[in-house]
């Protein structure tokens, strides 16, 4: 198995990430025209801080979808880890201990999902609905109401900017994308693409389908844990219900970014751009004085448009069959 057999998707003028990036630029320009502070370091930092949690969560979801499965447990894992950070980060474990805890919790949740799907053969949609509900219940047991306190090292270290020059969120997003591009070139990353594209062909090619899907779930859970850590840094406190609105936006980010919900096509880069687009759209609508419900309307329209363009692009890129002579 080599990288050449399952190459990474290329950015085309009509690809999902390209369309999302163009829309992002247009919406950011409109937002900046109504709120000039959007172009300042403070405005850019604020926008990136609002984007990072959704971007990280959508990145994790992308891995599972690329492997041809679904995952609804992300908001539950984010809820647990947010509650955990708000509960233990100011104690003896500190910020580093809280980070380790959320990574272990996320990886354990992903491992459970992956084991139930790959070993017991259960449907990923049903499994992750169950783990989502159970996780939200656990979050309420840890923190029954909004509250708690997040250590200053987390709240200040993971947000804002470095030396009044570079937003911390920008560094984290770049690091996320670099890790993704490196991982996508490995045998494990290529296997996830191959399994999502055609499971039977991947199996015949010698790929361990079970291992690839299990890895996708574990990495996704780990990423959800990090998203919960970032949410804690952004809010400065815990809320077991803070992630309730994330699920639809996570899937919208993935779809807008050009990742096929059927698996095997797309990538984290597009999902991060999709998350940024949804965030700047909310900022733009707020600056224009639009009612809050318009956010959902515009999100749906943008998602449908991105899906239509992505499907058309995929159809045009398929090699045409020659007619017999």
Protein backbone atom coordinates (compact mmCIF):
# COMPACT_ATOMS: atom_id res chain seq x y z
CA UNK A 1 0.00 0.00 0.00
CA UNK A 2 1.48 3.33 -1.04
CA UNK A 3 0.40 6.95 -0.92
CA UNK A 4 0.09 7.01 -4.68
CA UNK A 5 -2.83 4.61 -4.63
CA UNK A 6 -4.88 6.85 -2.34
CA UNK A 7 -3.68 10.42 -3.00
CA UNK A 8 -4.85 13.37 -0.96
CA UNK A 9 -7.59 15.42 -2.60
CA UNK A 10 -6.36 18.39 -4.60
CA UNK A 11 -7.76 21.87 -4.24
CA UNK A 12 -9.67 22.81 -7.38
CA UNK A 13 -11.42 26.10 -8.13
CA UNK A 14 -14.75 24.35 -7.60
CA UNK A 15 -13.74 22.22 -4.60
CA UNK A 16 -15.46 22.55 -1.24
CA UNK A 17 -12.51 24.15 0.61
CA UNK A 18 -11.96 26.66 -2.20
CA UNK A 19 -15.62 27.72 -2.29
CA UNK A 20 -15.70 27.94 1.50
CA UNK A 21 -12.52 30.07 1.54
CA UNK A 22 -13.98 32.46 -1.06
CA UNK A 23 -17.22 32.77 0.90
CA UNK A 24 -15.19 33.36 4.05
CA UNK A 25 -13.31 36.22 2.38
CA UNK A 26 -16.57 37.83 1.18
CA UNK A 27 -18.30 37.54 4.54
CA UNK A 28 -15.26 38.78 6.41
CA UNK A 29 -15.11 41.81 4.12
CA UNK A 30 -18.80 42.57 4.76
CA UNK A 31 -18.29 42.07 8.49
CA UNK A 32 -15.25 44.36 8.47
CA UNK A 33 -17.11 47.03 6.50
CA UNK A 34 -19.75 47.25 9.24
CA UNK A 35 -17.31 46.71 12.12
CA UNK A 36 -13.87 48.14 11.24
CA UNK A 37 -12.42 46.71 14.46
CA UNK A 38 -12.68 43.29 12.79
CA UNK A 39 -9.41 44.03 10.98
CA UNK A 40 -7.53 44.93 14.16
CA UNK A 41 -5.42 42.44 16.10
CA UNK A 42 -8.08 42.38 18.82
CA UNK A 43 -10.83 41.69 16.30
CA UNK A 44 -8.85 38.96 14.52
CA UNK A 45 -7.92 37.35 17.84
CA UNK A 46 -11.53 37.40 19.00
CA UNK A 47 -12.70 35.81 15.72
CA UNK A 48 -10.10 33.04 15.91
CA UNK A 49 -10.86 32.38 19.59
CA UNK A 50 -14.52 31.93 18.64
CA UNK A 51 -13.52 29.58 15.80
CA UNK A 52 -10.98 27.29 17.45
CA UNK A 53 -13.35 25.08 19.47
CA UNK A 54 -15.62 24.32 16.52
CA UNK A 55 -12.61 23.86 14.22
CA UNK A 56 -10.96 21.32 16.53
CA UNK A 57 -14.22 19.43 17.10
CA UNK A 58 -14.97 19.35 13.36
CA UNK A 59 -11.45 18.05 12.69
CA UNK A 60 -12.10 15.06 14.93
CA UNK A 61 -15.45 14.36 13.30
CA UNK A 62 -13.79 14.50 9.88
CA UNK A 63 -11.57 11.52 10.70
CA UNK A 64 -14.55 9.29 11.48
CA UNK A 65 -16.47 10.42 8.40
CA UNK A 66 -13.45 9.82 6.17
CA UNK A 67 -13.46 6.24 7.47
CA UNK A 68 -17.06 5.85 6.32
CA UNK A 69 -18.74 6.07 9.75
CA UNK A 70 -20.77 8.61 11.74
CA UNK A 71 -20.10 10.06 15.18
CA UNK A 72 -22.59 11.98 17.32
CA UNK A 73 -20.71 11.56 20.59
CA UNK A 74 -18.53 14.64 20.16
CA UNK A 75 -20.76 17.03 22.09
CA UNK A 76 -20.97 14.56 24.98
CA UNK A 77 -17.18 14.25 25.21
CA UNK A 78 -16.82 18.04 25.02
CA UNK A 79 -19.39 18.40 27.82
CA UNK A 80 -17.53 15.96 30.09
CA UNK A 81 -14.11 17.45 29.48
CA UNK A 82 -15.38 21.00 29.93
CA UNK A 83 -16.87 20.01 33.29
CA UNK A 84 -13.71 18.17 34.31
CA UNK A 85 -11.41 21.11 33.49
CA UNK A 86 -13.66 23.52 35.41
CA UNK A 87 -13.56 21.15 38.38
CA UNK A 88 -9.93 20.04 38.69
CA UNK A 89 -7.72 22.58 36.89
CA UNK A 90 -7.44 24.90 39.90
CA UNK A 91 -6.56 22.02 42.22
CA UNK A 92 -3.39 20.00 42.70
CA UNK A 93 -3.49 18.54 39.20
CA UNK A 94 -3.31 22.00 37.65
CA UNK A 95 -3.59 22.84 33.95
CA UNK A 96 -1.22 20.08 32.82
CA UNK A 97 -3.10 17.45 34.80
CA UNK A 98 -6.40 18.69 33.37
CA UNK A 99 -4.97 18.40 29.85
CA UNK A 100 -3.90 14.81 30.45
CA UNK A 101 -7.31 14.02 31.96
CA UNK A 102 -9.28 15.33 28.97
CA UNK A 103 -7.02 13.45 26.54
CA UNK A 104 -7.54 10.20 28.44
CA UNK A 105 -11.31 10.76 28.64
CA UNK A 106 -11.55 11.58 24.94
CA UNK A 107 -9.41 8.63 23.86
CA UNK A 108 -11.40 6.27 26.11
CA UNK A 109 -14.71 7.47 24.64
CA UNK A 110 -13.35 7.01 21.12
CA UNK A 111 -12.02 3.56 21.99
CA UNK A 112 -15.43 2.53 23.32
CA UNK A 113 -17.17 3.79 20.18
CA UNK A 114 -14.63 2.10 17.93
CA UNK A 115 -14.79 -1.22 19.79
CA UNK A 116 -18.59 -1.33 19.68
CA UNK A 117 -18.58 -0.56 15.95
CA UNK A 118 -15.64 -2.65 14.75
CA UNK A 119 -15.76 -5.62 17.12
CA UNK A 120 -19.47 -6.01 17.86
CA UNK A 121 -20.53 -4.77 14.44
CA UNK A 122 -23.01 -2.22 15.75
CA UNK A 123 -24.09 0.76 13.65
CA UNK A 124 -21.99 3.82 14.39
CA UNK A 125 -24.98 6.13 14.33
CA UNK A 126 -26.81 4.17 17.04
CA UNK A 127 -23.66 3.61 19.11
CA UNK A 128 -22.63 7.25 19.20
CA UNK A 129 -26.16 8.42 20.01
CA UNK A 130 -25.94 6.20 23.07
CA UNK A 131 -22.50 7.42 24.11
CA UNK A 132 -23.56 11.03 23.50
CA UNK A 133 -26.52 10.70 25.87
CA UNK A 134 -24.46 8.81 28.46
CA UNK A 135 -21.64 11.37 28.27
CA UNK A 136 -24.00 14.28 28.77
CA UNK A 137 -25.39 12.50 31.83
CA UNK A 138 -21.88 12.02 33.23
CA UNK A 139 -21.15 15.71 32.63
CA UNK A 140 -24.20 16.63 34.71
CA UNK A 141 -22.99 14.33 37.49
CA UNK A 142 -19.63 16.11 37.52
CA UNK A 143 -21.09 19.60 37.31
CA UNK A 144 -24.84 19.78 37.83
CA UNK A 145 -25.07 23.47 36.87
CA UNK A 146 -22.90 26.08 35.15
CA UNK A 147 -20.02 27.03 37.38
CA UNK A 148 -16.60 25.90 38.43
CA UNK A 149 -13.39 27.72 37.68
CA UNK A 150 -10.71 27.31 35.04
CA UNK A 151 -7.08 27.87 35.93
CA UNK A 152 -5.61 31.16 34.73
CA UNK A 153 -2.84 29.26 32.95
CA UNK A 154 -5.50 27.71 30.70
CA UNK A 155 -7.77 30.73 30.28
CA UNK A 156 -4.90 33.12 29.57
CA UNK A 157 -2.49 30.73 27.89
CA UNK A 158 -4.89 29.29 25.31
CA UNK A 159 -6.57 32.54 24.28
CA UNK A 160 -5.46 36.07 23.43
CA UNK A 161 -2.23 36.77 21.59
CA UNK A 162 1.50 36.37 22.06
CA UNK A 163 3.40 39.58 22.55
CA UNK A 164 0.51 41.60 21.08
CA UNK A 165 1.51 40.13 17.72
CA UNK A 166 0.23 36.61 17.00
CA UNK A 167 -3.11 35.19 18.18
CA UNK A 168 -2.64 31.95 20.13
CA UNK A 169 -5.61 30.45 18.28
CA UNK A 170 -3.84 31.04 14.96
CA UNK A 171 -0.82 29.06 16.19
CA UNK A 172 -3.08 26.23 17.36
CA UNK A 173 -4.94 26.10 14.03
CA UNK A 174 -1.67 26.02 12.07
CA UNK A 175 -0.37 23.26 14.36
CA UNK A 176 -3.60 21.30 13.83
CA UNK A 177 -3.29 21.56 10.05
CA UNK A 178 0.39 20.63 10.05
CA UNK A 179 -0.35 17.53 12.15
CA UNK A 180 -3.17 16.62 9.80
CA UNK A 181 -1.06 16.91 6.63
CA UNK A 182 1.68 14.82 8.23
CA UNK A 183 -0.78 12.18 9.44
CA UNK A 184 -2.58 12.02 6.09
CA UNK A 185 0.67 10.92 4.43
CA UNK A 186 1.24 8.03 6.82
CA UNK A 187 0.07 4.45 6.25
CA UNK A 188 -2.58 4.92 8.95
CA UNK A 189 -3.93 8.08 7.33
CA UNK A 190 -3.97 6.52 3.87
CA UNK A 191 -5.75 3.47 5.30
CA UNK A 192 -8.54 5.65 6.70
CA UNK A 193 -9.06 7.22 3.26
CA UNK A 194 -9.00 3.83 1.58
CA UNK A 195 -11.48 2.25 3.99
CA UNK A 196 -13.90 5.14 3.59
CA UNK A 197 -13.61 5.11 -0.20
CA UNK A 198 -14.26 1.39 -0.61
CA UNK A 199 -14.10 -0.95 2.36
CA UNK A 200 -14.05 -4.16 0.34
CA UNK A 201 -11.30 -2.96 -1.98
CA UNK A 202 -9.29 -1.77 1.02
CA UNK A 203 -9.63 -5.17 2.67
CA UNK A 204 -8.53 -6.95 -0.51
CA UNK A 205 -5.54 -4.59 -0.67
CA UNK A 206 -4.35 -5.90 2.68
CA UNK A 207 -5.59 -3.02 4.84
CA UNK A 208 -6.79 -3.87 8.35
CA UNK A 209 -10.24 -2.25 8.12
CA UNK A 210 -11.04 -2.80 11.78
CA UNK A 211 -7.80 -1.15 12.93
CA UNK A 212 -8.27 1.84 10.60
CA UNK A 213 -11.80 2.54 11.85
CA UNK A 214 -10.81 2.02 15.48
CA UNK A 215 -7.95 4.49 15.08
CA UNK A 216 -10.28 7.04 13.50
CA UNK A 217 -12.66 6.83 16.47
CA UNK A 218 -9.86 7.06 19.04
CA UNK A 219 -8.25 10.07 17.36
CA UNK A 220 -11.66 11.72 17.05
CA UNK A 221 -12.35 11.21 20.76
CA UNK A 222 -8.93 12.59 21.61
CA UNK A 223 -9.67 15.65 19.48
CA UNK A 224 -13.08 16.17 21.12
CA UNK A 225 -11.31 16.16 24.48
CA UNK A 226 -8.97 18.89 23.28
CA UNK A 227 -11.99 20.85 21.99
CA UNK A 228 -13.50 20.66 25.49
CA UNK A 229 -10.23 21.94 26.92
CA UNK A 230 -10.30 24.86 24.50
CA UNK A 231 -13.94 25.58 25.34
CA UNK A 232 -12.99 25.80 29.00
CA UNK A 233 -10.21 28.23 28.15
CA UNK A 234 -12.59 30.39 26.15
CA UNK A 235 -15.40 30.51 28.70
CA UNK A 236 -13.32 30.46 31.89
CA UNK A 237 -15.85 28.17 33.56
CA UNK A 238 -17.76 24.93 33.09
CA UNK A 239 -21.22 24.28 31.70
CA UNK A 240 -22.49 20.72 31.06
CA UNK A 241 -24.84 22.10 28.41
CA UNK A 242 -22.38 24.43 26.68
CA UNK A 243 -21.78 22.04 23.78
CA UNK A 244 -25.43 21.28 22.96
CA UNK A 245 -25.44 23.55 19.91
CA UNK A 246 -22.17 22.17 18.51
CA UNK A 247 -23.37 18.99 16.82
CA UNK A 248 -25.15 20.49 13.83
CA UNK A 249 -22.39 23.05 13.33
CA UNK A 250 -19.75 20.30 13.44
CA UNK A 251 -21.47 18.40 10.65
CA UNK A 252 -22.12 21.62 8.75
CA UNK A 253 -18.41 22.53 8.98
CA UNK A 254 -17.41 19.13 7.61
CA UNK A 255 -19.95 19.25 4.77
CA UNK A 256 -19.18 22.87 3.84
CA UNK A 257 -15.48 22.02 3.78
CA UNK A 258 -16.03 19.44 1.04
CA UNK A 259 -15.70 16.18 2.97
CA UNK A 260 -18.04 13.55 1.57
CA UNK A 261 -20.40 12.16 4.21
CA UNK A 262 -20.10 8.85 2.37
CA UNK A 263 -16.41 8.70 3.36
CA UNK A 264 -13.08 8.56 1.58
CA UNK A 265 -12.97 12.11 0.23
CA UNK A 266 -12.16 15.42 1.88
CA UNK A 267 -9.97 16.40 4.80
CA UNK A 268 -9.45 18.40 7.96
CA UNK A 269 -8.33 21.52 6.10
CA UNK A 270 -11.76 21.96 4.54
CA UNK A 271 -13.51 21.34 7.87
CA UNK A 272 -11.41 24.03 9.57
CA UNK A 273 -12.29 26.48 6.78
CA UNK A 274 -15.94 25.47 7.13
CA UNK A 275 -15.83 26.15 10.88
CA UNK A 276 -14.29 29.54 10.21
CA UNK A 277 -16.96 30.33 7.64
CA UNK A 278 -19.79 29.55 10.05
CA UNK A 279 -18.16 31.68 12.75
CA UNK A 280 -17.54 34.71 10.55
CA UNK A 281 -21.08 34.38 9.18
CA UNK A 282 -22.47 34.77 12.69
CA UNK A 283 -20.26 37.81 13.22
CA UNK A 284 -21.38 39.31 9.90
CA UNK A 285 -25.08 38.81 10.61
CA UNK A 286 -24.70 40.32 14.07
CA UNK A 287 -22.89 43.34 12.60
CA UNK A 288 -25.69 43.73 10.05
CA UNK A 289 -28.26 43.69 12.83
CA UNK A 290 -29.98 40.54 11.55
CA UNK A 291 -32.19 38.55 13.91
CA UNK A 292 -30.59 35.50 15.54
CA UNK A 293 -32.72 32.97 13.69
CA UNK A 294 -31.20 34.13 10.38
CA UNK A 295 -27.96 32.42 11.46
CA UNK A 296 -29.62 29.01 11.16
CA UNK A 297 -31.20 29.96 7.83
CA UNK A 298 -27.91 31.15 6.35
CA UNK A 299 -26.02 28.14 7.78
CA UNK A 300 -28.43 25.77 6.06
CA UNK A 301 -28.26 27.64 2.75
CA UNK A 302 -24.47 27.79 2.79
CA UNK A 303 -24.29 24.08 3.60
CA UNK A 304 -26.67 23.16 0.76
CA UNK A 305 -24.76 25.34 -1.68
CA UNK A 306 -21.44 23.83 -0.62
CA UNK A 307 -22.81 20.31 -0.99
CA UNK A 308 -24.19 21.09 -4.44
CA UNK A 309 -20.92 22.62 -5.63
CA UNK A 310 -18.89 19.76 -4.14
CA UNK A 311 -21.10 17.14 -5.82
CA UNK A 312 -20.88 18.93 -9.15
CA UNK A 313 -17.12 19.22 -8.82
CA UNK A 314 -16.78 15.51 -8.03
CA UNK A 315 -18.96 14.61 -11.01
CA UNK A 316 -16.92 16.78 -13.37
CA UNK A 317 -13.64 15.33 -12.10
CA UNK A 318 -14.61 11.71 -12.80
CA UNK A 319 -13.02 10.29 -15.92
CA UNK A 320 -15.48 9.95 -18.74
CA UNK A 321 -16.04 6.52 -20.22
CA UNK A 322 -15.31 6.23 -23.88
CA UNK A 323 -18.16 5.08 -26.01
CA UNK A 324 -17.53 1.82 -27.84
CA UNK A 325 -16.86 2.25 -31.52
